[in-house]
């Protein structure tokens, strides 16, 4: 055993029960990743969650994730109900198809470590209770605020700011 391996606190260790719950929650009917495995893990042997929990714990201990866990392929999906002829790239959106086992690892990590994942209030994408409408509102508010500065005398603002800096600097 290597001496530079570190152990994982039991609170954060992945166990078979966690993996079993993650597999049960996976949606059926999803496309297979590059590895060819689908969400039919639900019908796997009862030992698979034990094996996967050991694998995922080992990956945490040695701080290494196999390169295949990061591979996916993108499928172009047409926007709207138009025909496919004469379309440009802007008329499609890409859907990334990822392997099932990395998805299971991500769900395990989120279950055990989510309290440590803190994001800025300025981040809108891929976040619960956040939407495009909120991002657009924030952008419009910032643009309206910048327009307010366009209508004022920049020389007078500079003079006031210089006076404040001079007083605070003394």
N, C-alpha and C. Protein backbone atom coordinates (compact mmCIF):
# COMPACT_ATOMS: atom_id res chain seq x y z
N UNK A 1 0.85 -1.18 0.00
CA UNK A 1 0.00 0.00 0.00
C UNK A 1 0.89 1.24 0.00
N UNK A 2 0.55 2.20 -0.84
CA UNK A 2 1.36 3.42 -0.92
C UNK A 2 1.13 4.27 0.31
N UNK A 3 2.18 4.93 0.77
CA UNK A 3 2.08 5.75 1.97
C UNK A 3 1.40 7.09 1.72
N UNK A 4 1.33 7.52 0.46
CA UNK A 4 0.72 8.82 0.19
C UNK A 4 -0.78 8.74 -0.07
N UNK A 5 -1.38 7.54 0.05
CA UNK A 5 -2.83 7.43 -0.03
C UNK A 5 -3.43 8.11 1.18
N UNK A 6 -4.53 8.76 1.01
CA UNK A 6 -5.21 9.35 2.15
C UNK A 6 -6.56 8.66 2.32
N UNK A 7 -7.01 8.62 3.53
CA UNK A 7 -8.29 7.96 3.78
C UNK A 7 -9.42 8.97 3.66
N UNK A 8 -10.62 8.45 3.54
CA UNK A 8 -11.80 9.29 3.43
C UNK A 8 -12.59 9.16 4.72
N UNK A 9 -13.00 10.29 5.24
CA UNK A 9 -13.87 10.30 6.41
C UNK A 9 -15.11 9.46 6.09
N UNK A 10 -15.55 8.64 7.04
CA UNK A 10 -16.70 7.76 6.80
C UNK A 10 -17.96 8.50 6.39
N UNK A 11 -18.10 9.77 6.82
CA UNK A 11 -19.29 10.55 6.43
C UNK A 11 -19.33 10.77 4.93
N UNK A 12 -18.17 10.79 4.30
CA UNK A 12 -18.10 11.11 2.88
C UNK A 12 -17.84 9.90 2.00
N UNK A 13 -17.70 8.75 2.59
CA UNK A 13 -17.44 7.52 1.84
C UNK A 13 -18.70 7.12 1.08
N UNK A 14 -18.50 6.65 -0.14
CA UNK A 14 -19.61 6.14 -0.93
C UNK A 14 -19.87 4.70 -0.50
N UNK A 15 -21.12 4.37 -0.24
CA UNK A 15 -21.44 3.01 0.14
C UNK A 15 -22.42 2.40 -0.86
N UNK A 16 -22.64 1.10 -0.75
CA UNK A 16 -23.51 0.40 -1.69
C UNK A 16 -24.93 0.93 -1.64
N UNK A 17 -25.38 1.34 -0.46
CA UNK A 17 -26.74 1.87 -0.33
C UNK A 17 -26.90 3.16 -1.14
N UNK A 18 -25.90 4.04 -1.08
CA UNK A 18 -25.94 5.27 -1.87
C UNK A 18 -25.99 4.94 -3.35
N UNK A 19 -25.12 4.04 -3.80
CA UNK A 19 -25.10 3.67 -5.23
C UNK A 19 -26.41 3.05 -5.65
N UNK A 20 -26.98 2.22 -4.80
CA UNK A 20 -28.27 1.60 -5.13
C UNK A 20 -29.34 2.67 -5.30
N UNK A 21 -29.37 3.66 -4.41
CA UNK A 21 -30.35 4.75 -4.52
C UNK A 21 -30.12 5.58 -5.78
N UNK A 22 -28.86 5.84 -6.11
CA UNK A 22 -28.54 6.61 -7.33
C UNK A 22 -29.02 5.85 -8.56
N UNK A 23 -28.77 4.55 -8.60
CA UNK A 23 -29.17 3.75 -9.76
C UNK A 23 -30.69 3.71 -9.88
N UNK A 24 -31.39 3.58 -8.76
CA UNK A 24 -32.85 3.53 -8.77
C UNK A 24 -33.44 4.83 -9.31
N UNK A 25 -32.82 5.98 -8.98
CA UNK A 25 -33.34 7.29 -9.39
C UNK A 25 -33.05 7.62 -10.85
N UNK A 26 -32.17 6.86 -11.50
CA UNK A 26 -31.84 7.15 -12.90
C UNK A 26 -33.06 6.93 -13.78
N UNK A 27 -33.22 7.81 -14.75
CA UNK A 27 -34.36 7.74 -15.66
C UNK A 27 -34.09 6.70 -16.73
N UNK A 28 -35.12 5.94 -17.05
CA UNK A 28 -35.03 4.93 -18.10
C UNK A 28 -35.19 5.61 -19.47
N UNK A 29 -34.78 4.91 -20.50
CA UNK A 29 -34.98 5.39 -21.86
C UNK A 29 -33.93 6.37 -22.34
N UNK A 30 -32.86 6.56 -21.58
CA UNK A 30 -31.79 7.47 -22.01
C UNK A 30 -30.86 6.73 -22.98
N UNK A 31 -30.24 7.49 -23.87
CA UNK A 31 -29.32 6.91 -24.85
C UNK A 31 -28.06 6.40 -24.15
N UNK A 32 -27.47 5.36 -24.73
CA UNK A 32 -26.23 4.80 -24.20
C UNK A 32 -25.07 5.73 -24.52
N UNK A 33 -24.11 5.81 -23.61
CA UNK A 33 -22.91 6.60 -23.84
C UNK A 33 -21.96 5.85 -24.76
N UNK A 34 -20.74 6.36 -24.89
CA UNK A 34 -19.74 5.73 -25.74
C UNK A 34 -19.39 4.32 -25.27
N UNK A 35 -19.61 4.05 -23.99
CA UNK A 35 -19.32 2.72 -23.45
C UNK A 35 -20.42 1.71 -23.75
N UNK A 36 -21.55 2.16 -24.29
CA UNK A 36 -22.65 1.28 -24.65
C UNK A 36 -23.55 0.89 -23.48
N UNK A 37 -23.26 1.39 -22.28
CA UNK A 37 -24.06 1.04 -21.10
C UNK A 37 -25.23 2.02 -21.01
N UNK A 38 -26.42 1.50 -20.76
CA UNK A 38 -27.59 2.34 -20.61
C UNK A 38 -28.04 2.35 -19.15
N UNK A 39 -29.16 2.97 -18.90
CA UNK A 39 -29.67 3.04 -17.54
C UNK A 39 -30.29 1.71 -17.10
N UNK A 40 -30.05 0.66 -17.83
CA UNK A 40 -30.53 -0.65 -17.44
C UNK A 40 -29.74 -1.21 -16.27
N UNK A 41 -28.91 -0.37 -15.65
CA UNK A 41 -28.21 -0.76 -14.43
C UNK A 41 -29.21 -1.14 -13.34
N UNK A 42 -30.44 -0.66 -13.49
CA UNK A 42 -31.48 -0.97 -12.51
C UNK A 42 -31.72 -2.48 -12.40
N UNK A 43 -31.41 -3.19 -13.46
CA UNK A 43 -31.66 -4.62 -13.49
C UNK A 43 -30.38 -5.42 -13.28
N UNK A 44 -29.36 -4.77 -12.74
CA UNK A 44 -28.06 -5.42 -12.57
C UNK A 44 -28.07 -6.34 -11.35
N UNK A 45 -26.99 -7.08 -11.22
CA UNK A 45 -26.80 -7.96 -10.07
C UNK A 45 -26.65 -7.11 -8.81
N UNK A 46 -27.07 -7.65 -7.68
CA UNK A 46 -27.04 -6.91 -6.41
C UNK A 46 -25.64 -6.53 -5.98
N UNK A 47 -24.60 -7.16 -6.52
CA UNK A 47 -23.23 -6.83 -6.14
C UNK A 47 -22.69 -5.59 -6.85
N UNK A 48 -23.33 -5.17 -7.95
CA UNK A 48 -22.81 -4.02 -8.70
C UNK A 48 -22.69 -2.76 -7.84
N UNK A 49 -23.68 -2.38 -7.04
CA UNK A 49 -23.50 -1.19 -6.19
C UNK A 49 -22.30 -1.30 -5.25
N UNK A 50 -22.02 -2.52 -4.75
CA UNK A 50 -20.84 -2.72 -3.89
C UNK A 50 -19.56 -2.49 -4.67
N UNK A 51 -19.51 -3.03 -5.87
CA UNK A 51 -18.31 -2.89 -6.71
C UNK A 51 -18.11 -1.43 -7.10
N UNK A 52 -19.19 -0.78 -7.51
CA UNK A 52 -19.09 0.63 -7.93
C UNK A 52 -18.70 1.52 -6.76
N UNK A 53 -19.24 1.27 -5.57
CA UNK A 53 -18.87 2.10 -4.42
C UNK A 53 -17.38 1.93 -4.11
N UNK A 54 -16.87 0.71 -4.23
CA UNK A 54 -15.43 0.49 -4.01
C UNK A 54 -14.61 1.22 -5.07
N UNK A 55 -15.04 1.14 -6.32
CA UNK A 55 -14.34 1.83 -7.40
C UNK A 55 -14.34 3.34 -7.18
N UNK A 56 -15.49 3.92 -6.87
CA UNK A 56 -15.59 5.36 -6.69
C UNK A 56 -14.78 5.83 -5.48
N UNK A 57 -14.79 5.07 -4.40
CA UNK A 57 -13.97 5.41 -3.23
C UNK A 57 -12.48 5.37 -3.58
N UNK A 58 -12.09 4.36 -4.33
CA UNK A 58 -10.68 4.26 -4.74
C UNK A 58 -10.29 5.44 -5.62
N UNK A 59 -11.20 5.86 -6.49
CA UNK A 59 -10.92 7.02 -7.35
C UNK A 59 -10.71 8.27 -6.51
N UNK A 60 -11.49 8.43 -5.43
CA UNK A 60 -11.29 9.57 -4.54
C UNK A 60 -9.97 9.47 -3.80
N UNK A 61 -9.64 8.29 -3.33
CA UNK A 61 -8.42 8.10 -2.55
C UNK A 61 -7.17 8.40 -3.37
N UNK A 62 -7.14 7.91 -4.61
CA UNK A 62 -5.94 8.12 -5.44
C UNK A 62 -6.03 9.40 -6.27
N UNK A 63 -7.15 10.13 -6.15
CA UNK A 63 -7.33 11.40 -6.87
C UNK A 63 -7.16 11.24 -8.37
N UNK A 64 -7.81 10.22 -8.90
CA UNK A 64 -7.72 9.99 -10.35
C UNK A 64 -9.06 9.48 -10.87
N UNK A 65 -9.51 10.10 -11.95
CA UNK A 65 -10.71 9.66 -12.64
C UNK A 65 -10.29 9.23 -14.04
N UNK A 66 -10.70 8.05 -14.48
CA UNK A 66 -10.31 7.59 -15.82
C UNK A 66 -10.76 8.58 -16.90
N UNK A 67 -9.94 8.70 -17.92
CA UNK A 67 -10.25 9.63 -19.02
C UNK A 67 -11.59 9.31 -19.67
N UNK A 68 -11.97 8.06 -19.71
CA UNK A 68 -13.23 7.66 -20.34
C UNK A 68 -14.43 8.26 -19.62
N UNK A 69 -14.27 8.62 -18.35
CA UNK A 69 -15.37 9.22 -17.60
C UNK A 69 -15.68 10.63 -18.11
N UNK A 70 -14.78 11.23 -18.83
CA UNK A 70 -14.99 12.58 -19.36
C UNK A 70 -15.39 12.61 -20.82
N UNK A 71 -15.53 11.45 -21.43
CA UNK A 71 -15.86 11.40 -22.85
C UNK A 71 -17.36 11.37 -23.06
N UNK A 72 -17.79 12.07 -24.08
CA UNK A 72 -19.20 12.07 -24.46
C UNK A 72 -19.29 12.35 -25.95
N UNK A 73 -20.47 12.25 -26.48
CA UNK A 73 -20.66 12.66 -27.87
C UNK A 73 -21.87 13.57 -27.94
N UNK A 74 -21.87 14.45 -28.94
CA UNK A 74 -22.91 15.45 -29.07
C UNK A 74 -23.81 15.12 -30.25
N UNK A 75 -25.10 15.19 -30.01
CA UNK A 75 -26.09 14.92 -31.06
C UNK A 75 -26.79 16.24 -31.37
N UNK A 76 -26.80 16.66 -32.65
CA UNK A 76 -27.51 17.90 -32.99
C UNK A 76 -29.01 17.67 -33.03
N UNK A 77 -29.74 18.52 -32.34
CA UNK A 77 -31.21 18.44 -32.31
C UNK A 77 -31.75 19.72 -32.97
N UNK A 78 -32.60 19.58 -33.99
CA UNK A 78 -33.14 20.78 -34.65
C UNK A 78 -34.03 21.57 -33.71
N UNK A 79 -33.92 22.89 -33.79
CA UNK A 79 -34.79 23.77 -33.01
C UNK A 79 -36.09 23.94 -33.77
N UNK A 80 -37.20 23.87 -33.09
CA UNK A 80 -38.50 24.07 -33.73
C UNK A 80 -38.94 22.87 -34.54
N UNK A 81 -40.01 23.06 -35.31
CA UNK A 81 -40.59 21.98 -36.11
C UNK A 81 -40.33 22.16 -37.60
N UNK A 82 -39.16 22.65 -37.96
CA UNK A 82 -38.84 22.92 -39.36
C UNK A 82 -38.19 21.70 -39.98
N UNK A 83 -38.17 21.67 -41.33
CA UNK A 83 -37.49 20.58 -42.00
C UNK A 83 -35.98 20.77 -41.88
N UNK A 84 -35.22 19.75 -42.19
CA UNK A 84 -33.77 19.77 -41.98
C UNK A 84 -32.98 20.36 -43.14
N UNK A 85 -33.64 20.66 -44.26
CA UNK A 85 -32.90 21.12 -45.43
C UNK A 85 -32.69 22.63 -45.38
N UNK A 86 -31.49 23.06 -45.76
CA UNK A 86 -31.17 24.48 -45.81
C UNK A 86 -30.98 25.11 -44.45
N UNK A 87 -30.68 24.33 -43.45
CA UNK A 87 -30.49 24.84 -42.09
C UNK A 87 -29.04 25.25 -41.86
N UNK A 88 -28.84 26.15 -40.91
CA UNK A 88 -27.50 26.54 -40.51
C UNK A 88 -27.22 25.95 -39.12
N UNK A 89 -26.01 26.12 -38.65
CA UNK A 89 -25.65 25.60 -37.33
C UNK A 89 -26.49 26.21 -36.22
N UNK A 90 -26.91 27.46 -36.41
CA UNK A 90 -27.71 28.14 -35.40
C UNK A 90 -29.10 27.53 -35.24
N UNK A 91 -29.51 26.70 -36.22
CA UNK A 91 -30.84 26.09 -36.18
C UNK A 91 -30.85 24.78 -35.39
N UNK A 92 -29.72 24.44 -34.77
CA UNK A 92 -29.61 23.21 -33.99
C UNK A 92 -29.06 23.52 -32.61
N UNK A 93 -29.42 22.67 -31.66
CA UNK A 93 -28.78 22.74 -30.35
C UNK A 93 -28.18 21.38 -30.08
N UNK A 94 -27.06 21.37 -29.40
CA UNK A 94 -26.36 20.13 -29.14
C UNK A 94 -26.78 19.50 -27.82
N UNK A 95 -27.00 18.21 -27.84
CA UNK A 95 -27.27 17.44 -26.63
C UNK A 95 -26.08 16.51 -26.43
N UNK A 96 -25.47 16.60 -25.28
CA UNK A 96 -24.30 15.78 -24.98
C UNK A 96 -24.75 14.48 -24.33
N UNK A 97 -24.29 13.36 -24.86
CA UNK A 97 -24.62 12.04 -24.33
C UNK A 97 -23.40 11.55 -23.56
N UNK A 98 -23.56 11.44 -22.26
CA UNK A 98 -22.45 11.02 -21.39
C UNK A 98 -22.65 9.59 -20.93
N UNK A 99 -21.56 8.91 -20.57
CA UNK A 99 -21.69 7.54 -20.06
C UNK A 99 -22.44 7.50 -18.73
N UNK A 100 -23.07 6.38 -18.42
CA UNK A 100 -23.91 6.23 -17.24
C UNK A 100 -23.07 6.18 -15.95
N UNK A 101 -21.95 5.49 -15.96
CA UNK A 101 -21.15 5.37 -14.73
C UNK A 101 -20.63 6.72 -14.24
N UNK A 102 -20.12 7.60 -15.11
CA UNK A 102 -19.75 8.93 -14.62
C UNK A 102 -20.93 9.71 -14.05
N UNK A 103 -22.12 9.53 -14.64
CA UNK A 103 -23.30 10.19 -14.09
C UNK A 103 -23.58 9.70 -12.68
N UNK A 104 -23.41 8.39 -12.46
CA UNK A 104 -23.61 7.83 -11.13
C UNK A 104 -22.59 8.42 -10.15
N UNK A 105 -21.34 8.57 -10.59
CA UNK A 105 -20.31 9.17 -9.74
C UNK A 105 -20.67 10.61 -9.38
N UNK A 106 -21.13 11.36 -10.36
CA UNK A 106 -21.52 12.76 -10.11
C UNK A 106 -22.64 12.83 -9.08
N UNK A 107 -23.63 11.97 -9.20
CA UNK A 107 -24.74 11.98 -8.24
C UNK A 107 -24.26 11.59 -6.84
N UNK A 108 -23.31 10.68 -6.76
CA UNK A 108 -22.74 10.31 -5.45
C UNK A 108 -21.99 11.49 -4.84
N UNK A 109 -21.21 12.17 -5.66
CA UNK A 109 -20.45 13.34 -5.18
C UNK A 109 -21.41 14.43 -4.71
N UNK A 110 -22.45 14.67 -5.48
CA UNK A 110 -23.43 15.69 -5.09
C UNK A 110 -24.12 15.32 -3.78
N UNK A 111 -24.40 14.04 -3.59
CA UNK A 111 -25.05 13.60 -2.36
C UNK A 111 -24.15 13.82 -1.15
N UNK A 112 -22.88 13.51 -1.28
CA UNK A 112 -21.98 13.55 -0.13
C UNK A 112 -21.33 14.91 0.09
N UNK A 113 -21.13 15.70 -0.97
CA UNK A 113 -20.34 16.92 -0.86
C UNK A 113 -21.09 18.20 -1.22
N UNK A 114 -22.39 18.14 -1.47
CA UNK A 114 -23.11 19.31 -1.97
C UNK A 114 -23.03 20.52 -1.05
N UNK A 115 -22.92 20.31 0.25
CA UNK A 115 -22.86 21.46 1.17
C UNK A 115 -21.58 22.28 0.98
N UNK A 116 -20.58 21.69 0.33
CA UNK A 116 -19.32 22.40 0.11
C UNK A 116 -19.25 23.10 -1.24
N UNK A 117 -20.27 22.90 -2.08
CA UNK A 117 -20.30 23.53 -3.39
C UNK A 117 -21.06 24.84 -3.29
N UNK A 118 -20.33 25.93 -3.20
CA UNK A 118 -20.93 27.25 -3.08
C UNK A 118 -20.67 28.00 -4.37
N UNK A 119 -21.71 28.58 -4.93
CA UNK A 119 -21.54 29.34 -6.16
C UNK A 119 -21.94 30.79 -5.92
N UNK A 120 -21.52 31.62 -6.81
CA UNK A 120 -21.83 33.04 -6.73
C UNK A 120 -23.30 33.27 -7.10
N UNK A 121 -23.89 34.30 -6.54
CA UNK A 121 -25.25 34.67 -6.92
C UNK A 121 -25.30 35.18 -8.36
N UNK A 122 -24.13 35.50 -8.92
CA UNK A 122 -24.07 35.97 -10.30
C UNK A 122 -24.01 34.83 -11.30
N UNK A 123 -23.96 33.58 -10.82
CA UNK A 123 -23.98 32.43 -11.71
C UNK A 123 -25.42 31.99 -11.88
N UNK A 124 -25.87 31.84 -13.12
CA UNK A 124 -27.26 31.51 -13.37
C UNK A 124 -27.44 30.13 -13.98
N UNK A 125 -26.48 29.66 -14.77
CA UNK A 125 -26.64 28.40 -15.48
C UNK A 125 -26.46 27.19 -14.59
N UNK A 126 -27.22 26.15 -14.87
CA UNK A 126 -27.13 24.85 -14.20
C UNK A 126 -27.25 24.98 -12.69
N UNK A 127 -28.21 25.76 -12.26
CA UNK A 127 -28.42 26.03 -10.85
C UNK A 127 -29.90 25.94 -10.51
N UNK A 128 -30.21 25.37 -9.36
CA UNK A 128 -31.62 25.30 -8.94
C UNK A 128 -32.15 26.70 -8.66
N UNK A 129 -33.44 26.87 -8.91
CA UNK A 129 -34.12 28.14 -8.66
C UNK A 129 -33.48 29.30 -9.40
N UNK A 130 -32.88 29.02 -10.53
CA UNK A 130 -32.26 30.05 -11.34
C UNK A 130 -32.74 29.85 -12.77
N UNK A 131 -32.96 30.94 -13.45
CA UNK A 131 -33.48 30.80 -14.80
C UNK A 131 -32.89 31.85 -15.72
N UNK A 132 -33.20 31.70 -16.97
CA UNK A 132 -32.77 32.68 -17.97
C UNK A 132 -33.43 34.03 -17.69
N UNK A 133 -34.66 34.01 -17.21
CA UNK A 133 -35.37 35.26 -16.92
C UNK A 133 -34.64 36.06 -15.84
N UNK A 134 -34.11 35.39 -14.85
CA UNK A 134 -33.37 36.06 -13.78
C UNK A 134 -32.08 36.67 -14.34
N UNK A 135 -31.41 35.95 -15.22
CA UNK A 135 -30.18 36.47 -15.83
C UNK A 135 -30.48 37.68 -16.71
N UNK A 136 -31.56 37.62 -17.47
CA UNK A 136 -31.94 38.75 -18.34
C UNK A 136 -32.29 39.96 -17.49
N UNK A 137 -33.03 39.75 -16.39
CA UNK A 137 -33.39 40.85 -15.49
C UNK A 137 -32.13 41.52 -14.93
N UNK A 138 -31.17 40.72 -14.50
CA UNK A 138 -29.93 41.25 -13.95
C UNK A 138 -29.16 42.04 -15.01
N UNK A 139 -29.09 41.51 -16.21
CA UNK A 139 -28.41 42.20 -17.30
C UNK A 139 -29.09 43.54 -17.61
N UNK A 140 -30.40 43.52 -17.70
CA UNK A 140 -31.12 44.77 -18.01
C UNK A 140 -30.94 45.80 -16.90
N UNK A 141 -30.93 45.34 -15.65
CA UNK A 141 -30.72 46.26 -14.53
C UNK A 141 -29.34 46.91 -14.62
N UNK A 142 -28.33 46.11 -14.96
CA UNK A 142 -26.98 46.65 -15.08
C UNK A 142 -26.88 47.62 -16.24
N UNK A 143 -27.52 47.31 -17.36
CA UNK A 143 -27.50 48.20 -18.52
C UNK A 143 -28.20 49.51 -18.19
N UNK A 144 -29.35 49.44 -17.52
CA UNK A 144 -30.06 50.65 -17.13
C UNK A 144 -29.22 51.50 -16.20
N UNK A 145 -28.49 50.85 -15.29
CA UNK A 145 -27.63 51.57 -14.36
C UNK A 145 -26.49 52.25 -15.12
N UNK A 146 -25.93 51.57 -16.10
CA UNK A 146 -24.84 52.18 -16.86
C UNK A 146 -25.34 53.36 -17.69
N UNK A 147 -26.60 53.30 -18.16
CA UNK A 147 -27.17 54.42 -18.91
C UNK A 147 -27.32 55.65 -18.00
N UNK A 148 -27.59 55.42 -16.73
CA UNK A 148 -27.71 56.53 -15.78
C UNK A 148 -26.39 57.28 -15.69
N UNK A 149 -25.27 56.57 -15.74
CA UNK A 149 -23.96 57.23 -15.69
C UNK A 149 -23.65 57.97 -16.99
N UNK A 150 -24.25 57.54 -18.10
CA UNK A 150 -24.04 58.22 -19.38
C UNK A 150 -24.66 59.61 -19.38
N UNK A 151 -25.71 59.82 -18.58
CA UNK A 151 -26.44 61.08 -18.60
C UNK A 151 -25.88 62.10 -17.61
N UNK A 152 -24.86 61.74 -16.86
CA UNK A 152 -24.33 62.69 -15.88
C UNK A 152 -23.00 63.25 -16.35
N UNK A 153 -22.58 64.30 -15.73
CA UNK A 153 -21.31 64.94 -16.09
C UNK A 153 -20.16 64.09 -15.54
N UNK A 154 -19.38 63.52 -16.42
CA UNK A 154 -18.26 62.67 -16.00
C UNK A 154 -17.19 63.49 -15.28
N UNK A 155 -17.01 64.74 -15.72
CA UNK A 155 -16.02 65.61 -15.07
C UNK A 155 -16.41 65.87 -13.61
N UNK A 156 -17.70 66.15 -13.38
CA UNK A 156 -18.18 66.40 -12.03
C UNK A 156 -18.04 65.13 -11.17
N UNK A 157 -18.37 63.96 -11.74
CA UNK A 157 -18.23 62.70 -11.00
C UNK A 157 -16.77 62.46 -10.64
N UNK A 158 -15.86 62.70 -11.59
CA UNK A 158 -14.43 62.51 -11.33
C UNK A 158 -13.95 63.45 -10.21
N UNK A 159 -14.40 64.69 -10.24
CA UNK A 159 -14.03 65.66 -9.21
C UNK A 159 -14.51 65.20 -7.84
N UNK A 160 -15.75 64.74 -7.75
CA UNK A 160 -16.30 64.25 -6.47
C UNK A 160 -15.52 63.04 -5.97
N UNK A 161 -15.24 62.08 -6.86
CA UNK A 161 -14.50 60.88 -6.46
C UNK A 161 -13.08 61.23 -6.01
N UNK A 162 -12.44 62.17 -6.69
CA UNK A 162 -11.10 62.61 -6.31
C UNK A 162 -11.13 63.24 -4.93
N UNK A 163 -12.15 64.04 -4.65
CA UNK A 163 -12.28 64.67 -3.34
C UNK A 163 -12.46 63.63 -2.24
N UNK A 164 -13.26 62.59 -2.52
CA UNK A 164 -13.47 61.53 -1.52
C UNK A 164 -12.18 60.79 -1.26
N UNK A 165 -11.44 60.46 -2.30
CA UNK A 165 -10.19 59.71 -2.16
C UNK A 165 -9.16 60.55 -1.40
N UNK A 166 -9.13 61.85 -1.70
CA UNK A 166 -8.19 62.76 -1.02
C UNK A 166 -8.49 62.86 0.47
N UNK A 167 -9.76 62.98 0.83
CA UNK A 167 -10.16 63.08 2.24
C UNK A 167 -9.85 61.77 2.97
N UNK A 168 -10.17 60.63 2.36
CA UNK A 168 -9.90 59.35 3.00
C UNK A 168 -8.41 59.06 3.08
N UNK A 169 -7.64 59.55 2.14
CA UNK A 169 -6.20 59.30 2.11
C UNK A 169 -5.40 60.11 3.14
N UNK A 170 -6.00 61.16 3.67
CA UNK A 170 -5.28 62.01 4.63
C UNK A 170 -5.18 61.40 6.00
